[in-house]
Amino acid sequence: PRLQVEHPVTEGVTGLNVPSLQLLVAMGCRLASMPRVRDFLVTDAQADDPSYDPFAKLGARHTVAARVTAENTADGWKPTVGAIEQINFQSLPDVWGYF
Protein backbone atom coordinates (compact mmCIF):
# COMPACT_ATOMS: atom_id res chain seq x y z
CA PRO A 1 0.00 0.00 0.00
CA ARG A 2 1.08 3.55 -0.58
CA LEU A 3 0.34 6.76 1.26
CA GLN A 4 -1.91 9.33 -0.27
CA VAL A 5 -0.37 12.76 -0.62
CA GLU A 6 -3.03 13.96 1.83
CA HIS A 7 -1.77 11.76 4.68
CA PRO A 8 -0.54 14.81 6.66
CA VAL A 9 -4.20 15.85 6.94
CA THR A 10 -5.03 12.50 8.55
CA GLU A 11 -2.03 12.88 10.84
CA GLY A 12 -3.03 16.41 11.78
CA VAL A 13 -6.55 15.37 12.74
CA THR A 14 -5.77 12.06 14.46
CA GLY A 15 -2.30 12.74 15.84
CA LEU A 16 -1.16 9.40 14.40
CA ASN A 17 2.08 9.00 12.44
CA VAL A 18 0.75 7.16 9.39
CA PRO A 19 4.11 6.08 7.82
CA SER A 20 5.28 4.60 11.13
CA LEU A 21 1.97 2.74 11.51
CA GLN A 22 2.42 1.24 8.03
CA LEU A 23 5.88 0.01 8.98
CA LEU A 24 4.66 -1.45 12.27
CA VAL A 25 1.83 -3.31 10.53
CA ALA A 26 4.26 -4.56 7.86
CA MET A 27 6.45 -5.94 10.68
CA GLY A 28 3.47 -7.87 12.02
CA CYS A 29 2.33 -5.61 14.87
CA ARG A 30 -1.40 -5.62 15.49
CA LEU A 31 -3.23 -2.30 15.35
CA ALA A 32 -5.13 -3.29 18.50
CA SER A 33 -1.83 -3.37 20.43
CA MET A 34 -1.13 0.31 19.70
CA PRO A 35 -2.72 2.53 22.37
CA ARG A 36 -3.44 5.63 20.21
CA VAL A 37 -4.74 3.49 17.37
CA ARG A 38 -7.11 1.61 19.69
CA ASP A 39 -9.01 4.87 20.12
CA PHE A 40 -10.13 4.57 16.48
CA LEU A 41 -10.90 0.86 16.35
CA VAL A 42 -14.62 0.21 16.31
CA THR A 43 -16.23 -2.71 18.14
CA ASP A 44 -19.13 -4.64 16.63
CA ALA A 45 -21.52 -2.95 19.06
CA GLN A 46 -20.23 0.50 18.12
CA ALA A 47 -20.48 -0.33 14.41
CA ASP A 48 -24.17 -1.13 14.90
CA ASP A 49 -24.78 2.20 16.64
CA PRO A 50 -25.39 4.91 14.00
CA SER A 51 -24.71 7.66 16.55
CA TYR A 52 -21.21 6.38 17.38
CA ASP A 53 -18.45 8.72 16.20
CA PRO A 54 -14.86 7.55 16.87
CA PHE A 55 -13.61 11.08 16.14
CA ALA A 56 -15.84 12.75 18.75
CA LYS A 57 -13.23 12.22 21.46
CA LEU A 58 -10.72 14.33 19.51
CA GLY A 59 -12.66 17.53 19.90
CA ALA A 60 -12.43 20.25 17.27
CA ARG A 61 -9.36 19.77 15.10
CA HIS A 62 -8.79 21.15 11.65
CA THR A 63 -6.12 20.58 9.04
CA VAL A 64 -5.64 22.17 5.68
CA ALA A 65 -3.35 20.91 2.95
CA ALA A 66 -2.46 22.95 -0.10
CA ARG A 67 -0.39 22.30 -3.17
CA VAL A 68 1.07 25.03 -5.34
CA THR A 69 1.01 24.19 -9.03
CA ALA A 70 1.63 26.16 -12.20
CA GLU A 71 -0.07 25.77 -15.56
CA ASN A 72 0.47 27.62 -18.80
CA THR A 73 -2.93 28.95 -19.84
CA ALA A 74 -1.64 29.79 -23.33
CA ASP A 75 -0.61 26.17 -23.87
CA GLY A 76 -3.79 24.33 -22.92
CA TRP A 77 -3.15 24.46 -19.16
CA LYS A 78 -0.10 22.20 -19.45
CA PRO A 79 2.14 22.05 -16.37
CA THR A 80 4.97 24.52 -16.44
CA VAL A 81 8.00 25.37 -14.30
CA GLY A 82 8.95 28.53 -12.55
CA ALA A 83 10.28 29.96 -9.33
CA ILE A 84 8.17 31.11 -6.42
CA GLU A 85 9.55 34.55 -5.73
CA GLN A 86 7.78 35.13 -2.41
CA ILE A 87 5.38 33.30 -0.13
CA ASN A 88 4.16 34.31 3.33
CA PHE A 89 2.38 32.24 5.94
CA GLN A 90 1.00 33.44 9.24
CA SER A 91 2.58 31.58 12.12
CA LEU A 92 0.59 30.95 15.28
CA PRO A 93 1.25 28.66 18.27
CA ASP A 94 -1.29 26.09 17.04
CA VAL A 95 -0.49 26.51 13.34
CA TRP A 96 2.41 24.79 11.64
CA GLY A 97 3.53 24.01 8.14
CA TYR A 98 6.28 22.27 6.28
CA PHE A 99 7.74 22.10 2.79
PDB file of N, CA and C in Angstrom:
ATOM      1  N   PRO A   1       0.827  -1.188   0.000  1.00  0.00           N
ATOM      2  CA  PRO A   1       0.000   0.000   0.000  1.00  0.00           C
ATOM      3  C   PRO A   1       0.872   1.254   0.000  1.00  0.00           C
ATOM      4  N   ARG A   2       0.335   2.300  -0.557  1.00  0.00           N
ATOM      5  CA  ARG A   2       1.082   3.550  -0.576  1.00  0.00           C
ATOM      6  C   ARG A   2       0.297   4.609   0.184  1.00  0.00           C
ATOM      7  N   LEU A   3       1.000   5.644   0.582  1.00  0.00           N
ATOM      8  CA  LEU A   3       0.342   6.756   1.263  1.00  0.00           C
ATOM      9  C   LEU A   3      -0.235   7.716   0.242  1.00  0.00           C
ATOM     10  N   GLN A   4      -1.364   8.262   0.544  1.00  0.00           N
ATOM     11  CA  GLN A   4      -1.908   9.331  -0.274  1.00  0.00           C
ATOM     12  C   GLN A   4      -1.149  10.607   0.065  1.00  0.00           C
ATOM     13  N   VAL A   5      -1.073  11.515  -0.884  1.00  0.00           N
ATOM     14  CA  VAL A   5      -0.370  12.761  -0.616  1.00  0.00           C
ATOM     15  C   VAL A   5      -1.041  13.546   0.501  1.00  0.00           C
ATOM     16  N   GLU A   6      -2.299  13.253   0.782  1.00  0.00           N
ATOM     17  CA  GLU A   6      -3.026  13.961   1.827  1.00  0.00           C
ATOM     18  C   GLU A   6      -2.805  13.368   3.216  1.00  0.00           C
ATOM     19  N   HIS A   7      -1.900  12.396   3.378  1.00  0.00           N
ATOM     20  CA  HIS A   7      -1.773  11.764   4.684  1.00  0.00           C
ATOM     21  C   HIS A   7      -1.415  12.742   5.809  1.00  0.00           C
ATOM     22  N   PRO A   8      -0.750  13.871   5.552  1.00  0.00           N
ATOM     23  CA  PRO A   8      -0.542  14.814   6.659  1.00  0.00           C
ATOM     24  C   PRO A   8      -1.851  15.364   7.229  1.00  0.00           C
ATOM     25  N   VAL A   9      -2.900  15.404   6.429  1.00  0.00           N
ATOM     26  CA  VAL A   9      -4.198  15.848   6.937  1.00  0.00           C
ATOM     27  C   VAL A   9      -4.713  14.824   7.953  1.00  0.00           C
ATOM     28  N   THR A  10      -4.628  13.550   7.612  1.00  0.00           N
ATOM     29  CA  THR A  10      -5.031  12.497   8.548  1.00  0.00           C
ATOM     30  C   THR A  10      -4.207  12.575   9.823  1.00  0.00           C
ATOM     31  N   GLU A  11      -2.900  12.781   9.668  1.00  0.00           N
ATOM     32  CA  GLU A  11      -2.032  12.879  10.841  1.00  0.00           C
ATOM     33  C   GLU A  11      -2.386  14.093  11.692  1.00  0.00           C
ATOM     34  N   GLY A  12      -2.699  15.210  11.039  1.00  0.00           N
ATOM     35  CA  GLY A  12      -3.032  16.408  11.780  1.00  0.00           C
ATOM     36  C   GLY A  12      -4.306  16.271  12.584  1.00  0.00           C
ATOM     37  N   VAL A  13      -5.260  15.538  12.055  1.00  0.00           N
ATOM     38  CA  VAL A  13      -6.546  15.369  12.745  1.00  0.00           C
ATOM     39  C   VAL A  13      -6.456  14.290  13.821  1.00  0.00           C
ATOM     40  N   THR A  14      -5.799  13.183  13.519  1.00  0.00           N
ATOM     41  CA  THR A  14      -5.774  12.058  14.464  1.00  0.00           C
ATOM     42  C   THR A  14      -4.591  12.087  15.416  1.00  0.00           C
ATOM     43  N   GLY A  15      -3.517  12.766  15.022  1.00  0.00           N
ATOM     44  CA  GLY A  15      -2.302  12.739  15.842  1.00  0.00           C
ATOM     45  C   GLY A  15      -1.498  11.467  15.654  1.00  0.00           C
ATOM     46  N   LEU A  16      -1.865  10.660  14.662  1.00  0.00           N
ATOM     47  CA  LEU A  16      -1.157   9.404  14.400  1.00  0.00           C
ATOM     48  C   LEU A  16      -0.118   9.596  13.298  1.00  0.00           C
ATOM     49  N   ASN A  17       1.032   8.955  13.445  1.00  0.00           N
ATOM     50  CA  ASN A  17       2.081   9.001  12.436  1.00  0.00           C
ATOM     51  C   ASN A  17       1.818   7.859  11.447  1.00  0.00           C
ATOM     52  N   VAL A  18       1.211   8.179  10.328  1.00  0.00           N
ATOM     53  CA  VAL A  18       0.750   7.158   9.387  1.00  0.00           C
ATOM     54  C   VAL A  18       1.905   6.329   8.803  1.00  0.00           C
ATOM     55  N   PRO A  19       3.024   6.930   8.346  1.00  0.00           N
ATOM     56  CA  PRO A  19       4.112   6.082   7.821  1.00  0.00           C
ATOM     57  C   PRO A  19       4.647   5.095   8.863  1.00  0.00           C
ATOM     58  N   SER A  20       4.771   5.531  10.112  1.00  0.00           N
ATOM     59  CA  SER A  20       5.278   4.602  11.130  1.00  0.00           C
ATOM     60  C   SER A  20       4.280   3.481  11.391  1.00  0.00           C
ATOM     61  N   LEU A  21       2.979   3.789  11.334  1.00  0.00           N
ATOM     62  CA  LEU A  21       1.974   2.737  11.505  1.00  0.00           C
ATOM     63  C   LEU A  21       2.063   1.711  10.386  1.00  0.00           C
ATOM     64  N   GLN A  22       2.279   2.179   9.151  1.00  0.00           N
ATOM     65  CA  GLN A  22       2.415   1.244   8.031  1.00  0.00           C
ATOM     66  C   GLN A  22       3.592   0.305   8.261  1.00  0.00           C
ATOM     67  N   LEU A  23       4.706   0.849   8.732  1.00  0.00           N
ATOM     68  CA  LEU A  23       5.882   0.011   8.983  1.00  0.00           C
ATOM     69  C   LEU A  23       5.616  -0.989  10.103  1.00  0.00           C
ATOM     70  N   LEU A  24       4.966  -0.545  11.161  1.00  0.00           N
ATOM     71  CA  LEU A  24       4.657  -1.454  12.265  1.00  0.00           C
ATOM     72  C   LEU A  24       3.749  -2.592  11.817  1.00  0.00           C
ATOM     73  N   VAL A  25       2.737  -2.267  11.033  1.00  0.00           N
ATOM     74  CA  VAL A  25       1.834  -3.305  10.529  1.00  0.00           C
ATOM     75  C   VAL A  25       2.596  -4.258   9.605  1.00  0.00           C
ATOM     76  N   ALA A  26       3.474  -3.711   8.765  1.00  0.00           N
ATOM     77  CA  ALA A  26       4.263  -4.557   7.858  1.00  0.00           C
ATOM     78  C   ALA A  26       5.176  -5.501   8.635  1.00  0.00           C
ATOM     79  N   MET A  27       5.590  -5.089   9.835  1.00  0.00           N
ATOM     80  CA  MET A  27       6.447  -5.936  10.677  1.00  0.00           C
ATOM     81  C   MET A  27       5.631  -6.935  11.487  1.00  0.00           C
ATOM     82  N   GLY A  28       4.304  -6.886  11.348  1.00  0.00           N
ATOM     83  CA  GLY A  28       3.470  -7.872  12.023  1.00  0.00           C
ATOM     84  C   GLY A  28       2.806  -7.387  13.300  1.00  0.00           C
ATOM     85  N   CYS A  29       2.996  -6.137  13.667  1.00  0.00           N
ATOM     86  CA  CYS A  29       2.332  -5.614  14.871  1.00  0.00           C
ATOM     87  C   CYS A  29       0.839  -5.467  14.608  1.00  0.00           C
ATOM     88  N   ARG A  30       0.054  -5.746  15.615  1.00  0.00           N
ATOM     89  CA  ARG A  30      -1.403  -5.618  15.491  1.00  0.00           C
ATOM     90  C   ARG A  30      -1.820  -4.200  15.845  1.00  0.00           C
ATOM     91  N   LEU A  31      -2.731  -3.639  15.065  1.00  0.00           N
ATOM     92  CA  LEU A  31      -3.231  -2.299  15.353  1.00  0.00           C
ATOM     93  C   LEU A  31      -3.828  -2.215  16.750  1.00  0.00           C
ATOM     94  N   ALA A  32      -4.485  -3.281  17.186  1.00  0.00           N
ATOM     95  CA  ALA A  32      -5.133  -3.289  18.497  1.00  0.00           C
ATOM     96  C   ALA A  32      -4.126  -3.188  19.636  1.00  0.00           C
ATOM     97  N   SER A  33      -2.844  -3.451  19.369  1.00  0.00           N
ATOM     98  CA  SER A  33      -1.832  -3.368  20.426  1.00  0.00           C
ATOM     99  C   SER A  33      -1.230  -1.970  20.534  1.00  0.00           C
ATOM    100  N   MET A  34      -1.660  -1.052  19.693  1.00  0.00           N
ATOM    101  CA  MET A  34      -1.125   0.313  19.698  1.00  0.00           C
ATOM    102  C   MET A  34      -2.129   1.239  20.387  1.00  0.00           C
ATOM    103  N   PRO A  35      -1.763   1.774  21.562  1.00  0.00           N
ATOM    104  CA  PRO A  35      -2.723   2.531  22.369  1.00  0.00           C
ATOM    105  C   PRO A  35      -3.445   3.649  21.620  1.00  0.00           C
ATOM    106  N   ARG A  36      -2.766   4.518  20.902  1.00  0.00           N
ATOM    107  CA  ARG A  36      -3.435   5.627  20.211  1.00  0.00           C
ATOM    108  C   ARG A  36      -4.325   5.127  19.090  1.00  0.00           C
ATOM    109  N   VAL A  37      -3.951   4.037  18.462  1.00  0.00           N
ATOM    110  CA  VAL A  37      -4.738   3.490  17.369  1.00  0.00           C
ATOM    111  C   VAL A  37      -6.020   2.859  17.911  1.00  0.00           C
ATOM    112  N   ARG A  38      -5.926   2.258  19.080  1.00  0.00           N
ATOM    113  CA  ARG A  38      -7.107   1.609  19.690  1.00  0.00           C
ATOM    114  C   ARG A  38      -8.266   2.584  19.831  1.00  0.00           C
ATOM    115  N   ASP A  39      -7.948   3.875  19.991  1.00  0.00           N
ATOM    116  CA  ASP A  39      -9.014   4.873  20.117  1.00  0.00           C
ATOM    117  C   ASP A  39      -9.901   4.916  18.877  1.00  0.00           C
ATOM    118  N   PHE A  40      -9.380   4.481  17.735  1.00  0.00           N
ATOM    119  CA  PHE A  40     -10.130   4.570  16.485  1.00  0.00           C
ATOM    120  C   PHE A  40     -10.698   3.236  16.021  1.00  0.00           C
ATOM    121  N   LEU A  41     -10.345   2.157  16.713  1.00  0.00           N
ATOM    122  CA  LEU A  41     -10.899   0.855  16.348  1.00  0.00           C
ATOM    123  C   LEU A  41     -12.339   0.773  16.836  1.00  0.00           C
ATOM    124  N   VAL A  42     -13.186   0.252  16.010  1.00  0.00           N
ATOM    125  CA  VAL A  42     -14.616   0.208  16.305  1.00  0.00           C
ATOM    126  C   VAL A  42     -15.023  -1.224  16.638  1.00  0.00           C
ATOM    127  N   THR A  43     -15.719  -1.393  17.766  1.00  0.00           N
ATOM    128  CA  THR A  43     -16.226  -2.713  18.140  1.00  0.00           C
ATOM    129  C   THR A  43     -17.480  -3.013  17.325  1.00  0.00           C
ATOM    130  N   ASP A  44     -17.904  -4.265  17.333  1.00  0.00           N
ATOM    131  CA  ASP A  44     -19.130  -4.642  16.625  1.00  0.00           C
ATOM    132  C   ASP A  44     -20.327  -3.857  17.149  1.00  0.00           C
ATOM    133  N   ALA A  45     -20.391  -3.681  18.468  1.00  0.00           N
ATOM    134  CA  ALA A  45     -21.520  -2.955  19.061  1.00  0.00           C
ATOM    135  C   ALA A  45     -21.511  -1.493  18.611  1.00  0.00           C
ATOM    136  N   GLN A  46     -20.324  -0.897  18.565  1.00  0.00           N
ATOM    137  CA  GLN A  46     -20.235   0.496  18.119  1.00  0.00           C
ATOM    138  C   GLN A  46     -20.598   0.614  16.638  1.00  0.00           C
ATOM    139  N   ALA A  47     -20.193  -0.365  15.852  1.00  0.00           N
ATOM    140  CA  ALA A  47     -20.481  -0.331  14.414  1.00  0.00           C
ATOM    141  C   ALA A  47     -21.984  -0.383  14.154  1.00  0.00           C
ATOM    142  N   ASP A  48     -22.717  -1.037  15.054  1.00  0.00           N
ATOM    143  CA  ASP A  48     -24.171  -1.133  14.898  1.00  0.00           C
ATOM    144  C   ASP A  48     -24.907   0.107  15.407  1.00  0.00           C
ATOM    145  N   ASP A  49     -24.166   0.999  16.082  1.00  0.00           N
ATOM    146  CA  ASP A  49     -24.778   2.202  16.643  1.00  0.00           C
ATOM    147  C   ASP A  49     -24.545   3.381  15.684  1.00  0.00           C
ATOM    148  N   PRO A  50     -25.575   3.841  14.980  1.00  0.00           N
ATOM    149  CA  PRO A  50     -25.394   4.913  13.999  1.00  0.00           C
ATOM    150  C   PRO A  50     -24.948   6.238  14.616  1.00  0.00           C
ATOM    151  N   SER A  51     -25.115   6.397  15.916  1.00  0.00           N
ATOM    152  CA  SER A  51     -24.712   7.655  16.551  1.00  0.00           C
ATOM    153  C   SER A  51     -23.244   7.637  16.991  1.00  0.00           C
ATOM    154  N   TYR A  52     -22.598   6.462  16.917  1.00  0.00           N
ATOM    155  CA  TYR A  52     -21.207   6.377  17.380  1.00  0.00           C
ATOM    156  C   TYR A  52     -20.275   7.117  16.422  1.00  0.00           C
ATOM    157  N   ASP A  53     -19.427   7.968  16.979  1.00  0.00           N
ATOM    158  CA  ASP A  53     -18.448   8.722  16.196  1.00  0.00           C
ATOM    159  C   ASP A  53     -17.072   8.572  16.844  1.00  0.00           C
ATOM    160  N   PRO A  54     -16.178   7.763  16.253  1.00  0.00           N
ATOM    161  CA  PRO A  54     -14.864   7.552  16.875  1.00  0.00           C
ATOM    162  C   PRO A  54     -14.026   8.829  16.937  1.00  0.00           C
ATOM    163  N   PHE A  55     -14.382   9.838  16.133  1.00  0.00           N
ATOM    164  CA  PHE A  55     -13.610  11.077  16.136  1.00  0.00           C
ATOM    165  C   PHE A  55     -14.127  12.083  17.155  1.00  0.00           C
ATOM    166  N   ALA A  56     -15.262  11.814  17.789  1.00  0.00           N
ATOM    167  CA  ALA A  56     -15.845  12.749  18.754  1.00  0.00           C
ATOM    168  C   ALA A  56     -14.891  13.033  19.909  1.00  0.00           C
ATOM    169  N   LYS A  57     -14.127  12.041  20.323  1.00  0.00           N
ATOM    170  CA  LYS A  57     -13.226  12.222  21.464  1.00  0.00           C
ATOM    171  C   LYS A  57     -12.051  13.148  21.149  1.00  0.00           C
ATOM    172  N   LEU A  58     -11.828  13.437  19.869  1.00  0.00           N
ATOM    173  CA  LEU A  58     -10.719  14.328  19.507  1.00  0.00           C
ATOM    174  C   LEU A  58     -11.031  15.789  19.770  1.00  0.00           C
ATOM    175  N   GLY A  59     -12.297  16.129  19.794  1.00  0.00           N
ATOM    176  CA  GLY A  59     -12.656  17.531  19.899  1.00  0.00           C
ATOM    177  C   GLY A  59     -12.513  18.198  18.534  1.00  0.00           C
ATOM    178  N   ALA A  60     -12.513  19.510  18.534  1.00  0.00           N
ATOM    179  CA  ALA A  60     -12.431  20.253  17.267  1.00  0.00           C
ATOM    180  C   ALA A  60     -10.984  20.346  16.805  1.00  0.00           C
ATOM    181  N   ARG A  61     -10.682  19.699  15.713  1.00  0.00           N
ATOM    182  CA  ARG A  61      -9.357  19.768  15.100  1.00  0.00           C
ATOM    183  C   ARG A  61      -9.552  20.021  13.622  1.00  0.00           C
ATOM    184  N   HIS A  62      -8.690  20.828  13.064  1.00  0.00           N
ATOM    185  CA  HIS A  62      -8.792  21.152  11.653  1.00  0.00           C
ATOM    186  C   HIS A  62      -7.413  21.087  11.023  1.00  0.00           C
ATOM    187  N   THR A  63      -7.361  20.634   9.791  1.00  0.00           N
ATOM    188  CA  THR A  63      -6.119  20.576   9.045  1.00  0.00           C
ATOM    189  C   THR A  63      -6.412  20.987   7.616  1.00  0.00           C
ATOM    190  N   VAL A  64      -5.511  21.753   7.063  1.00  0.00           N
ATOM    191  CA  VAL A  64      -5.638  22.169   5.677  1.00  0.00           C
ATOM    192  C   VAL A  64      -4.358  21.792   4.955  1.00  0.00           C
ATOM    193  N   ALA A  65      -4.504  21.211   3.787  1.00  0.00           N
ATOM    194  CA  ALA A  65      -3.345  20.912   2.946  1.00  0.00           C
ATOM    195  C   ALA A  65      -3.501  21.675   1.649  1.00  0.00           C
ATOM    196  N   ALA A  66      -2.417  22.207   1.158  1.00  0.00           N
ATOM    197  CA  ALA A  66      -2.460  22.951  -0.102  1.00  0.00           C
ATOM    198  C   ALA A  66      -1.264  22.567  -0.956  1.00  0.00           C
ATOM    199  N   ARG A  67      -1.471  22.598  -2.230  1.00  0.00           N
ATOM    200  CA  ARG A  67      -0.394  22.296  -3.172  1.00  0.00           C
ATOM    201  C   ARG A  67      -0.320  23.447  -4.167  1.00  0.00           C
ATOM    202  N   VAL A  68       0.886  23.958  -4.383  1.00  0.00           N
ATOM    203  CA  VAL A  68       1.073  25.035  -5.341  1.00  0.00           C
ATOM    204  C   VAL A  68       1.472  24.403  -6.671  1.00  0.00           C
ATOM    205  N   THR A  69       0.697  24.709  -7.698  1.00  0.00           N
ATOM    206  CA  THR A  69       1.010  24.194  -9.030  1.00  0.00           C
ATOM    207  C   THR A  69       1.021  25.351 -10.012  1.00  0.00           C
ATOM    208  N   ALA A  70       1.592  25.124 -11.166  1.00  0.00           N
ATOM    209  CA  ALA A  70       1.629  26.155 -12.203  1.00  0.00           C
ATOM    210  C   ALA A  70       1.245  25.533 -13.535  1.00  0.00           C
ATOM    211  N   GLU A  71       0.343  26.216 -14.230  1.00  0.00           N
ATOM    212  CA  GLU A  71      -0.073  25.769 -15.563  1.00  0.00           C
ATOM    213  C   GLU A  71       0.054  26.942 -16.523  1.00  0.00           C
ATOM    214  N   ASN A  72       0.354  26.608 -17.750  1.00  0.00           N
ATOM    215  CA  ASN A  72       0.473  27.616 -18.800  1.00  0.00           C
ATOM    216  C   ASN A  72      -0.871  27.708 -19.510  1.00  0.00           C
ATOM    217  N   THR A  73      -1.593  28.795 -19.255  1.00  0.00           N
ATOM    218  CA  THR A  73      -2.929  28.949 -19.843  1.00  0.00           C
ATOM    219  C   THR A  73      -2.866  29.084 -21.362  1.00  0.00           C
ATOM    220  N   ALA A  74      -1.776  29.602 -21.883  1.00  0.00           N
ATOM    221  CA  ALA A  74      -1.639  29.790 -23.330  1.00  0.00           C
ATOM    222  C   ALA A  74      -1.322  28.488 -24.049  1.00  0.00           C
ATOM    223  N   ASP A  75      -0.966  27.451 -23.264  1.00  0.00           N
ATOM    224  CA  ASP A  75      -0.607  26.170 -23.867  1.00  0.00           C
ATOM    225  C   ASP A  75      -1.526  25.063 -23.361  1.00  0.00           C
ATOM    226  N   GLY A  76      -2.824  25.358 -23.315  1.00  0.00           N
ATOM    227  CA  GLY A  76      -3.795  24.327 -22.925  1.00  0.00           C
ATOM    228  C   GLY A  76      -3.694  23.886 -21.476  1.00  0.00           C
ATOM    229  N   TRP A  77      -3.266  24.756 -20.589  1.00  0.00           N
ATOM    230  CA  TRP A  77      -3.154  24.464 -19.161  1.00  0.00           C
ATOM    231  C   TRP A  77      -2.140  23.361 -18.854  1.00  0.00           C
ATOM    232  N   LYS A  78      -1.153  23.201 -19.712  1.00  0.00           N
ATOM    233  CA  LYS A  78      -0.104  22.200 -19.446  1.00  0.00           C
ATOM    234  C   LYS A  78       0.755  22.653 -18.265  1.00  0.00           C
ATOM    235  N   PRO A  79       1.257  21.694 -17.489  1.00  0.00           N
ATOM    236  CA  PRO A  79       2.141  22.055 -16.373  1.00  0.00           C
ATOM    237  C   PRO A  79       3.360  22.817 -16.885  1.00  0.00           C
ATOM    238  N   THR A  80       3.807  23.723 -16.078  1.00  0.00           N
ATOM    239  CA  THR A  80       4.972  24.517 -16.436  1.00  0.00           C
ATOM    240  C   THR A  80       5.851  24.697 -15.200  1.00  0.00           C
ATOM    241  N   VAL A  81       7.051  25.167 -15.406  1.00  0.00           N
ATOM    242  CA  VAL A  81       7.996  25.366 -14.305  1.00  0.00           C
ATOM    243  C   VAL A  81       8.163  26.852 -14.040  1.00  0.00           C
ATOM    244  N   GLY A  82       8.685  27.146 -12.905  1.00  0.00           N
ATOM    245  CA  GLY A  82       8.950  28.525 -12.547  1.00  0.00           C
ATOM    246  C   GLY A  82       9.354  28.609 -11.087  1.00  0.00           C
ATOM    247  N   ALA A  83       9.849  29.746 -10.710  1.00  0.00           N
ATOM    248  CA  ALA A  83      10.285  29.961  -9.332  1.00  0.00           C
ATOM    249  C   ALA A  83       9.215  30.715  -8.564  1.00  0.00           C
ATOM    250  N   ILE A  84       9.044  30.342  -7.309  1.00  0.00           N
ATOM    251  CA  ILE A  84       8.174  31.109  -6.418  1.00  0.00           C
ATOM    252  C   ILE A  84       9.053  32.208  -5.833  1.00  0.00           C
ATOM    253  N   GLU A  85       8.728  33.413  -6.161  1.00  0.00           N
ATOM    254  CA  GLU A  85       9.547  34.545  -5.730  1.00  0.00           C
ATOM    255  C   GLU A  85       9.323  34.895  -4.261  1.00  0.00           C
ATOM    256  N   GLN A  86       8.081  34.761  -3.783  1.00  0.00           N
ATOM    257  CA  GLN A  86       7.783  35.129  -2.414  1.00  0.00           C
ATOM    258  C   GLN A  86       6.531  34.381  -1.960  1.00  0.00           C
ATOM    259  N   ILE A  87       6.558  33.929  -0.714  1.00  0.00           N
ATOM    260  CA  ILE A  87       5.380  33.301  -0.129  1.00  0.00           C
ATOM    261  C   ILE A  87       5.393  33.597   1.363  1.00  0.00           C
ATOM    262  N   ASN A  88       4.261  33.949   1.917  1.00  0.00           N
ATOM    263  CA  ASN A  88       4.164  34.312   3.332  1.00  0.00           C
ATOM    264  C   ASN A  88       3.048  33.511   3.991  1.00  0.00           C
ATOM    265  N   PHE A  89       3.365  32.952   5.150  1.00  0.00           N
ATOM    266  CA  PHE A  89       2.379  32.235   5.942  1.00  0.00           C
ATOM    267  C   PHE A  89       2.323  32.855   7.326  1.00  0.00           C
ATOM    268  N   GLN A  90       1.134  32.938   7.888  1.00  0.00           N
ATOM    269  CA  GLN A  90       0.996  33.444   9.245  1.00  0.00           C
ATOM    270  C   GLN A  90       1.342  32.314  10.204  1.00  0.00           C
ATOM    271  N   SER A  91       2.185  32.585  11.148  1.00  0.00           N
ATOM    272  CA  SER A  91       2.582  31.580  12.123  1.00  0.00           C
ATOM    273  C   SER A  91       1.904  31.863  13.460  1.00  0.00           C
ATOM    274  N   LEU A  92       1.255  30.856  13.985  1.00  0.00           N
ATOM    275  CA  LEU A  92       0.591  30.952  15.284  1.00  0.00           C
ATOM    276  C   LEU A  92       0.999  29.742  16.122  1.00  0.00           C
ATOM    277  N   PRO A  93       0.837  29.799  17.432  1.00  0.00           N
ATOM    278  CA  PRO A  93       1.251  28.663  18.272  1.00  0.00           C
ATOM    279  C   PRO A  93       0.629  27.330  17.854  1.00  0.00           C
ATOM    280  N   ASP A  94      -0.622  27.336  17.400  1.00  0.00           N
ATOM    281  CA  ASP A  94      -1.291  26.087  17.035  1.00  0.00           C
ATOM    282  C   ASP A  94      -1.313  25.863  15.529  1.00  0.00           C
ATOM    283  N   VAL A  95      -0.528  26.629  14.795  1.00  0.00           N
ATOM    284  CA  VAL A  95      -0.494  26.506  13.338  1.00  0.00           C
ATOM    285  C   VAL A  95       0.931  26.176  12.917  1.00  0.00           C
ATOM    286  N   TRP A  96       1.074  25.140  12.112  1.00  0.00           N
ATOM    287  CA  TRP A  96       2.405  24.788  11.642  1.00  0.00           C
ATOM    288  C   TRP A  96       2.332  24.397  10.176  1.00  0.00           C
ATOM    289  N   GLY A  97       3.462  24.399   9.535  1.00  0.00           N
ATOM    290  CA  GLY A  97       3.529  24.012   8.140  1.00  0.00           C
ATOM    291  C   GLY A  97       4.893  23.447   7.820  1.00  0.00           C
ATOM    292  N   TYR A  98       4.987  22.797   6.715  1.00  0.00           N
ATOM    293  CA  TYR A  98       6.280  22.271   6.277  1.00  0.00           C
ATOM    294  C   TYR A  98       6.323  22.236   4.774  1.00  0.00           C
ATOM    295  N   PHE A  99       7.522  22.167   4.248  1.00  0.00           N
ATOM    296  CA  PHE A  99       7.740  22.103   2.793  1.00  0.00           C
ATOM    297  C   PHE A  99       8.628  20.939   2.471  1.00  0.00           C
TER     298      PHE A  99
END
